[in-house]
Amino acid sequence: MRKLWKTLIFLAVIAGASAAVYAISRNSKKGNEGPKLVDVTTGSIVEKAVAVGQIQPRQKFQVKSKISGIVRQALVEVGDTVKAGDPLFEIAPDPTPLEVTEVDRQVESARASFRRAETEYQRAVQLSRSGVLPKSDLDAKKEAYDLAHVALTKAEQNRDLTRKGRLTQFGTESIIRAPAAGTVLTRSVNPGDPIVPLTSYQPGTEMATIADMRDLIFKGTVDEIDVGKLAGGMPTRIKVGALPTDVVTGHVSRIAPQAQQKEGATLFDVEVELDPSSKITLRAGYSANADVIIREKKDVLVIPERLVTFDDGGKKATVELAGASAKDPAKKIEIKTGISDGLNVEVISGLKKGDRVVERPPKEIS
């Protein structure tokens, strides 16, 4: 029992000593923290708006079929280069129930006509043998019989072709061709897949997409706060996520007149025309951020924006100017600011190069 008490007393002493050391250390840190002096310097400053988006082809073509059917053969793979009119797919057309009903009706009609012609021809043969019917009338009945037989044969062939998924007017499978020259970006169907046709009431099956990969642009969105500052032709620097060491340049080519709502934010679509470059290989779908240069100034006075206090709705800007010597007190002065990049701000008047501005430590919330 005595050993237990000694152990508890020892632990209490250690805990007290640790708390004392921590308190001294904390107070010492607080004592060392004080105002800092930041020099007014010259430099470059860029006011910009950031657009978030992707590298995309200027035009992308969806390949669809106007007839229903089954893919018999796919003639291209993703990445293939095609010319306008090149064959992409062979389709065995799938007849609609209405088409099947129609060809069946045509066969029944042709068969009925053939039976009538056959009956009339047989009667004409008997009458001709009896000498009652002239030979010219017999020949006419024979011709009608032959024509009816041909019509029946054609109707049956047409029915068989339709049921097999072939178009009578072509006699071969339908060929789906490239609507434009470019690269096959996607292929969504394989042999044996069913195809829903493109009509006025349904979008149809997307079989493939084709785009000209030599004509790429940046497509992105800008927040409504910045869109009012943008204008066509503004220079742009684009950073592509997959190419961290490269910078693609361009200029704003389009700003959407209508906003869109996305995850609670109001955004505007923008497009950037890319400057030609043979050194950087871009691919469709690369994620990228575009810095749109609104204004840029070089060799101007700059200070960190955190040192500036803005009042009166941002119309009045003040800083705390350090005295000429350590004995001279700091004084609050009004300055005129220019453009900002979010970190630094341009000083138009009120300060000169070499002045020092006081930066006080943030107040702790106890």
Protein backbone atom coordinates (compact mmCIF):
# COMPACT_ATOMS: atom_id res chain seq x y z
CA MET A 1 0.00 0.00 0.00
CA ARG A 2 2.86 2.35 0.85
CA LYS A 3 4.48 1.60 -2.56
CA LEU A 4 1.23 2.49 -4.34
CA TRP A 5 1.06 5.87 -2.60
CA LYS A 6 4.66 6.64 -3.50
CA THR A 7 3.98 5.82 -7.15
CA LEU A 8 0.91 8.07 -7.28
CA ILE A 9 2.78 10.97 -5.68
CA PHE A 10 5.64 10.55 -8.19
CA LEU A 11 3.26 10.61 -11.17
CA ALA A 12 1.51 13.72 -9.84
CA VAL A 13 4.85 15.54 -9.54
CA ILE A 14 5.80 14.61 -13.13
CA ALA A 15 2.43 15.77 -14.48
CA GLY A 16 2.70 19.10 -12.66
CA ALA A 17 6.20 19.70 -13.97
CA SER A 18 5.11 18.97 -17.55
CA ALA A 19 2.21 21.40 -17.29
CA ALA A 20 4.50 24.09 -15.96
CA VAL A 21 6.99 23.61 -18.80
CA TYR A 22 4.19 23.78 -21.40
CA ALA A 23 2.79 26.97 -19.89
CA ILE A 24 6.21 28.65 -19.82
CA SER A 25 6.85 27.60 -23.42
CA ARG A 26 3.46 28.89 -24.59
CA ASN A 27 3.89 32.20 -22.82
CA SER A 28 7.37 32.51 -24.27
CA LYS A 29 6.00 31.98 -27.80
CA LYS A 30 3.35 34.60 -27.22
CA GLY A 31 5.98 36.98 -25.98
CA ASN A 32 8.09 36.49 -29.08
CA GLU A 33 5.17 37.07 -31.47
CA GLY A 34 4.87 40.70 -32.40
CA PRO A 35 4.31 43.04 -35.32
CA LYS A 36 6.29 42.39 -38.49
CA LEU A 37 7.43 44.91 -41.07
CA VAL A 38 6.82 44.21 -44.75
CA ASP A 39 8.68 46.19 -47.44
CA VAL A 40 6.83 47.87 -50.28
CA THR A 41 8.33 46.41 -53.48
CA THR A 42 7.87 46.58 -57.23
CA GLY A 43 6.75 43.66 -59.34
CA SER A 44 4.23 42.32 -61.80
CA ILE A 45 0.62 41.65 -60.96
CA VAL A 46 -2.05 39.87 -62.96
CA GLU A 47 -5.80 40.10 -62.46
CA LYS A 48 -7.36 36.94 -63.82
CA ALA A 49 -10.48 34.81 -63.85
CA VAL A 50 -10.27 31.03 -63.67
CA ALA A 51 -12.31 28.78 -65.96
CA VAL A 52 -12.55 25.07 -65.17
CA GLY A 53 -13.15 22.64 -68.02
CA GLN A 54 -11.66 20.31 -70.62
CA ILE A 55 -9.85 20.20 -73.92
CA GLN A 56 -12.47 19.26 -76.51
CA PRO A 57 -12.81 19.02 -80.31
CA ARG A 58 -14.50 22.05 -81.82
CA GLN A 59 -17.04 19.74 -83.48
CA LYS A 60 -18.03 16.21 -82.53
CA PHE A 61 -20.21 14.10 -84.82
CA GLN A 62 -22.50 11.35 -83.54
CA VAL A 63 -22.95 8.43 -85.90
CA LYS A 64 -26.52 7.08 -85.93
CA SER A 65 -28.68 4.97 -88.22
CA LYS A 66 -31.98 5.93 -89.82
CA ILE A 67 -33.09 2.29 -90.00
CA SER A 68 -33.48 -0.34 -87.31
CA GLY A 69 -31.55 -3.56 -87.52
CA ILE A 70 -28.63 -5.61 -86.24
CA VAL A 71 -24.95 -4.69 -86.57
CA ARG A 72 -23.52 -7.22 -88.99
CA GLN A 73 -19.97 -5.85 -89.10
CA ALA A 74 -17.99 -3.01 -87.48
CA LEU A 75 -15.41 -1.70 -89.93
CA VAL A 76 -13.54 0.74 -87.65
CA GLU A 77 -11.84 0.77 -84.26
CA VAL A 78 -11.36 3.60 -81.75
CA GLY A 79 -8.45 5.77 -82.89
CA ASP A 80 -8.88 5.07 -86.60
CA THR A 81 -8.72 8.03 -88.97
CA VAL A 82 -11.54 8.21 -91.51
CA LYS A 83 -12.59 10.39 -94.42
CA ALA A 84 -16.10 11.65 -95.07
CA GLY A 85 -18.10 8.84 -96.67
CA ASP A 86 -15.89 6.00 -95.45
CA PRO A 87 -17.92 2.89 -94.42
CA LEU A 88 -18.13 2.45 -90.65
CA PHE A 89 -20.75 -0.27 -90.06
CA GLU A 90 -22.80 -2.82 -91.98
CA ILE A 91 -26.35 -3.25 -90.73
CA ALA A 92 -28.83 -5.99 -91.51
CA PRO A 93 -32.07 -3.97 -91.40
CA ASP A 94 -34.71 -5.31 -89.06
CA PRO A 95 -38.20 -5.02 -90.62
CA THR A 96 -40.93 -3.41 -88.59
CA PRO A 97 -44.20 -5.27 -87.87
CA LEU A 98 -45.90 -2.97 -90.38
CA GLU A 99 -43.39 -3.91 -93.09
CA VAL A 100 -43.88 -7.63 -92.40
CA THR A 101 -47.66 -7.26 -92.55
CA GLU A 102 -47.41 -5.37 -95.82
CA VAL A 103 -45.21 -7.95 -97.59
CA ASP A 104 -47.49 -10.78 -96.37
CA ARG A 105 -50.49 -8.90 -97.79
CA GLN A 106 -48.67 -8.45 -101.10
CA VAL A 107 -48.00 -12.20 -101.30
CA GLU A 108 -51.65 -13.08 -100.60
CA SER A 109 -52.82 -10.58 -103.21
CA ALA A 110 -50.36 -11.92 -105.80
CA ARG A 111 -51.36 -15.51 -105.03
CA ALA A 112 -55.06 -14.70 -105.49
CA SER A 113 -54.33 -13.00 -108.82
CA PHE A 114 -52.26 -15.97 -109.93
CA ARG A 115 -55.05 -18.44 -109.08
CA ARG A 116 -57.58 -16.41 -111.08
CA ALA A 117 -55.19 -16.19 -114.02
CA GLU A 118 -54.49 -19.93 -113.78
CA THR A 119 -58.21 -20.81 -113.72
CA GLU A 120 -58.97 -18.54 -116.67
CA TYR A 121 -56.05 -19.93 -118.67
CA GLN A 122 -57.12 -23.56 -118.05
CA ARG A 123 -60.68 -22.72 -119.17
CA ALA A 124 -59.29 -20.98 -122.25
CA VAL A 125 -57.24 -24.09 -123.13
CA GLN A 126 -60.38 -26.26 -123.00
CA LEU A 127 -62.37 -23.80 -125.10
CA SER A 128 -59.54 -23.55 -127.60
CA ARG A 129 -59.46 -27.36 -128.00
CA SER A 130 -63.20 -27.30 -128.69
CA GLY A 131 -62.63 -24.70 -131.37
CA VAL A 132 -64.77 -22.13 -129.55
CA LEU A 133 -61.97 -19.73 -128.49
CA PRO A 134 -59.72 -18.06 -131.03
CA LYS A 135 -55.97 -18.62 -130.69
CA SER A 136 -55.36 -14.89 -130.03
CA ASP A 137 -57.58 -15.01 -126.93
CA LEU A 138 -55.76 -18.12 -125.72
CA ASP A 139 -52.43 -16.33 -126.14
CA ALA A 140 -53.72 -13.37 -124.11
CA LYS A 141 -54.82 -15.66 -121.26
CA LYS A 142 -51.42 -17.39 -121.38
CA GLU A 143 -49.62 -14.07 -121.12
CA ALA A 144 -51.78 -12.99 -118.15
CA TYR A 145 -51.07 -16.31 -116.46
CA ASP A 146 -47.30 -15.92 -116.96
CA LEU A 147 -47.32 -12.34 -115.65
CA ALA A 148 -49.31 -13.39 -112.56
CA HIS A 149 -46.81 -16.17 -111.90
CA VAL A 150 -43.90 -13.71 -112.13
CA ALA A 151 -45.68 -11.27 -109.78
CA LEU A 152 -46.28 -14.04 -107.23
CA THR A 153 -42.65 -15.16 -107.38
CA LYS A 154 -41.44 -11.58 -106.91
CA ALA A 155 -43.79 -10.99 -103.95
CA GLU A 156 -42.60 -14.18 -102.24
CA GLN A 157 -38.95 -13.22 -102.78
CA ASN A 158 -39.62 -9.75 -101.43
CA ARG A 159 -41.27 -11.25 -98.34
CA ASP A 160 -38.31 -13.60 -97.76
CA LEU A 161 -35.79 -10.80 -98.17
CA THR A 162 -37.69 -8.56 -95.77
CA ARG A 163 -37.99 -11.30 -93.15
CA LYS A 164 -34.25 -11.99 -93.42
CA GLY A 165 -33.51 -8.36 -92.64
CA ARG A 166 -32.48 -7.17 -96.08
CA LEU A 167 -33.78 -4.25 -98.05
CA THR A 168 -35.25 -5.24 -101.40
CA GLN A 169 -34.39 -1.95 -103.04
CA PHE A 170 -30.67 -2.43 -102.30
CA GLY A 171 -30.37 -6.21 -102.19
CA THR A 172 -27.46 -5.90 -99.70
CA GLU A 173 -26.92 -4.85 -96.10
CA SER A 174 -27.15 -1.11 -95.36
CA ILE A 175 -23.84 0.71 -94.97
CA ILE A 176 -23.43 3.43 -92.31
CA ARG A 177 -20.82 5.95 -93.48
CA ALA A 178 -18.70 8.64 -91.79
CA PRO A 179 -20.49 12.03 -91.78
CA ALA A 180 -17.16 13.92 -91.73
CA ALA A 181 -13.41 13.40 -91.73
CA GLY A 182 -11.70 12.86 -88.38
CA THR A 183 -10.71 10.35 -85.72
CA VAL A 184 -13.02 7.73 -84.24
CA LEU A 185 -13.23 8.74 -80.56
CA THR A 186 -15.74 6.14 -79.40
CA ARG A 187 -17.43 3.03 -80.79
CA SER A 188 -20.48 2.05 -78.81
CA VAL A 189 -21.73 -1.03 -80.71
CA ASN A 190 -20.37 -4.42 -81.74
CA PRO A 191 -21.52 -7.05 -84.25
CA GLY A 192 -24.83 -8.53 -83.13
CA ASP A 193 -25.98 -5.43 -81.24
CA PRO A 194 -29.49 -4.15 -82.03
CA ILE A 195 -29.85 -0.63 -83.46
CA VAL A 196 -32.68 1.78 -82.67
CA PRO A 197 -33.15 4.21 -85.58
CA LEU A 198 -32.97 8.00 -85.37
CA THR A 199 -36.44 9.46 -85.83
CA SER A 200 -38.34 12.62 -84.97
CA TYR A 201 -39.58 11.02 -81.74
CA GLN A 202 -36.53 9.07 -80.53
CA PRO A 203 -32.79 9.89 -80.39
CA GLY A 204 -31.62 6.55 -81.75
CA THR A 205 -28.57 4.47 -80.86
CA GLU A 206 -25.23 6.30 -80.84
CA MET A 207 -22.96 3.95 -82.76
CA ALA A 208 -19.77 6.04 -82.74
CA THR A 209 -18.41 9.57 -82.38
CA ILE A 210 -15.99 11.23 -84.79
CA ALA A 211 -14.03 14.47 -84.37
CA ASP A 212 -11.19 16.34 -86.03
CA MET A 213 -8.39 16.11 -83.46
CA ARG A 214 -6.40 18.79 -85.29
CA ASP A 215 -9.02 21.39 -84.31
CA LEU A 216 -9.22 21.45 -80.50
CA ILE A 217 -10.50 24.16 -78.16
CA PHE A 218 -10.91 24.64 -74.40
CA LYS A 219 -14.48 24.45 -73.11
CA GLY A 220 -15.13 25.44 -69.50
CA THR A 221 -17.20 27.45 -67.06
CA VAL A 222 -16.60 30.73 -65.21
CA ASP A 223 -18.35 31.91 -62.05
CA GLU A 224 -20.87 34.72 -62.41
CA ILE A 225 -18.67 36.96 -60.21
CA ASP A 226 -15.97 37.04 -62.91
CA VAL A 227 -17.93 36.75 -66.16
CA GLY A 228 -18.73 40.48 -66.27
CA LYS A 229 -15.00 41.24 -66.51
CA LEU A 230 -14.42 38.96 -69.50
CA ALA A 231 -14.39 39.93 -73.16
CA GLY A 232 -13.67 38.15 -76.42
CA GLY A 233 -10.02 38.12 -77.41
CA MET A 234 -8.62 38.19 -73.86
CA PRO A 235 -5.35 36.20 -73.63
CA THR A 236 -5.51 32.91 -71.76
CA ARG A 237 -3.01 30.55 -70.18
CA ILE A 238 -4.21 26.97 -69.85
CA LYS A 239 -2.78 24.42 -67.45
CA VAL A 240 -3.57 20.82 -68.41
CA GLY A 241 -3.69 18.32 -65.54
CA ALA A 242 -1.99 15.58 -67.55
CA LEU A 243 0.80 17.94 -68.69
CA PRO A 244 1.92 19.75 -65.51
CA THR A 245 5.09 21.23 -67.04
CA ASP A 246 3.41 22.65 -70.16
CA VAL A 247 1.34 25.80 -70.62
CA VAL A 248 -1.06 26.14 -73.54
CA THR A 249 -1.93 29.66 -74.65
CA GLY A 250 -4.99 30.98 -76.43
CA HIS A 251 -7.68 33.65 -76.34
CA VAL A 252 -11.35 33.81 -75.36
CA SER A 253 -13.54 33.12 -78.39
CA ARG A 254 -17.03 32.75 -76.89
CA ILE A 255 -18.87 33.70 -73.70
CA ALA A 256 -22.33 32.21 -73.21
CA PRO A 257 -25.17 34.76 -72.85
CA GLN A 258 -27.16 32.40 -70.62
CA ALA A 259 -26.04 31.06 -67.22
CA GLN A 260 -26.47 27.51 -65.99
CA GLN A 261 -27.01 26.27 -62.46
CA LYS A 262 -24.63 23.58 -61.25
CA GLU A 263 -24.42 22.34 -57.67
CA GLY A 264 -25.85 25.62 -56.38
CA ALA A 265 -23.43 27.82 -58.35
CA THR A 266 -24.27 30.13 -61.25
CA LEU A 267 -21.82 29.46 -64.08
CA PHE A 268 -21.29 30.67 -67.64
CA ASP A 269 -19.85 28.57 -70.46
CA VAL A 270 -16.73 29.93 -72.15
CA GLU A 271 -14.64 28.72 -75.07
CA VAL A 272 -10.96 29.43 -75.70
CA GLU A 273 -9.30 29.25 -79.11
CA LEU A 274 -5.93 27.52 -78.70
CA ASP A 275 -2.77 28.91 -80.25
CA PRO A 276 -1.15 26.41 -82.65
CA SER A 277 1.71 24.43 -81.11
CA SER A 278 3.64 21.50 -82.52
CA LYS A 279 5.42 20.76 -79.25
CA ILE A 280 2.41 19.86 -77.10
CA THR A 281 0.21 16.86 -77.89
CA LEU A 282 -3.33 17.35 -76.61
CA ARG A 283 -6.08 14.75 -76.34
CA ALA A 284 -9.83 15.16 -76.17
CA GLY A 285 -11.12 15.08 -72.61
CA TYR A 286 -7.99 16.37 -70.86
CA SER A 287 -9.09 18.27 -67.73
CA ALA A 288 -7.68 21.79 -67.59
CA ASN A 289 -7.88 25.17 -65.86
CA ALA A 290 -7.73 28.34 -67.93
CA ASP A 291 -6.44 31.61 -66.46
CA VAL A 292 -8.10 34.41 -68.42
CA ILE A 293 -5.88 37.50 -68.19
CA ILE A 294 -8.19 40.42 -67.45
CA ARG A 295 -5.44 42.97 -66.73
CA GLU A 296 -1.70 42.71 -66.27
CA LYS A 297 0.75 45.34 -65.01
CA LYS A 298 4.53 45.20 -64.70
CA ASP A 299 6.98 47.16 -62.52
CA VAL A 300 4.32 48.56 -60.20
CA LEU A 301 4.29 48.98 -56.42
CA VAL A 302 2.81 45.91 -54.71
CA ILE A 303 2.11 44.80 -51.17
CA PRO A 304 0.33 41.73 -49.76
CA GLU A 305 -3.41 42.37 -49.84
CA ARG A 306 -3.76 41.01 -46.31
CA LEU A 307 -2.07 44.20 -45.01
CA VAL A 308 -4.81 46.43 -46.42
CA THR A 309 -7.98 47.30 -44.53
CA PHE A 310 -10.92 48.12 -46.78
CA ASP A 311 -13.80 50.26 -45.50
CA ASP A 312 -16.86 51.97 -46.94
CA GLY A 313 -17.71 49.04 -49.17
CA GLY A 314 -14.17 48.73 -50.49
CA LYS A 315 -13.89 52.39 -51.51
CA LYS A 316 -11.45 53.32 -48.74
CA ALA A 317 -8.16 51.44 -48.24
CA THR A 318 -5.77 52.00 -45.33
CA VAL A 319 -2.49 50.50 -44.09
CA GLU A 320 -0.34 50.95 -41.00
CA LEU A 321 2.89 52.66 -42.10
CA ALA A 322 5.94 52.02 -39.90
CA GLY A 323 7.90 54.98 -38.56
CA ALA A 324 11.23 56.04 -40.02
CA SER A 325 13.00 54.62 -36.97
CA ALA A 326 12.19 52.16 -34.23
CA LYS A 327 11.34 55.04 -31.92
CA ASP A 328 8.86 56.60 -34.30
CA PRO A 329 5.31 55.29 -33.89
CA ALA A 330 3.43 53.67 -36.77
CA LYS A 331 0.58 55.62 -38.28
CA LYS A 332 -2.51 54.68 -40.22
CA ILE A 333 -2.59 56.17 -43.73
CA GLU A 334 -4.99 55.99 -46.65
CA ILE A 335 -3.74 54.57 -49.95
CA LYS A 336 -5.16 54.09 -53.42
CA THR A 337 -5.10 50.53 -54.74
CA GLY A 338 -5.28 49.11 -58.25
CA ILE A 339 -5.62 45.57 -59.56
CA SER A 340 -5.29 42.49 -57.37
CA ASP A 341 -4.41 38.86 -58.03
CA GLY A 342 -5.98 37.69 -54.78
CA LEU A 343 -2.66 37.65 -52.89
CA ASN A 344 -0.99 40.94 -53.77
CA VAL A 345 -2.49 44.30 -54.64
CA GLU A 346 -1.18 47.20 -56.69
CA VAL A 347 -0.50 50.47 -54.84
CA ILE A 348 -1.24 53.49 -57.03
CA SER A 349 -0.57 56.20 -54.45
CA GLY A 350 0.10 56.69 -50.74
CA LEU A 351 3.25 54.54 -50.52
CA LYS A 352 6.64 54.45 -52.21
CA LYS A 353 9.22 51.76 -52.76
CA GLY A 354 11.16 51.06 -49.57
CA ASP A 355 8.34 52.02 -47.21
CA ARG A 356 7.53 49.43 -44.60
CA VAL A 357 4.02 48.39 -43.67
CA VAL A 358 3.15 46.90 -40.29
CA GLU A 359 1.73 43.39 -40.22
CA ARG A 360 0.26 42.61 -36.83
CA PRO A 361 -0.30 39.02 -35.67
CA PRO A 362 -3.86 37.72 -35.86
CA LYS A 363 -5.83 38.00 -32.66
CA GLU A 364 -6.36 34.73 -30.84
CA ILE A 365 -9.87 33.72 -29.95
CA SER A 366 -9.91 32.54 -26.35
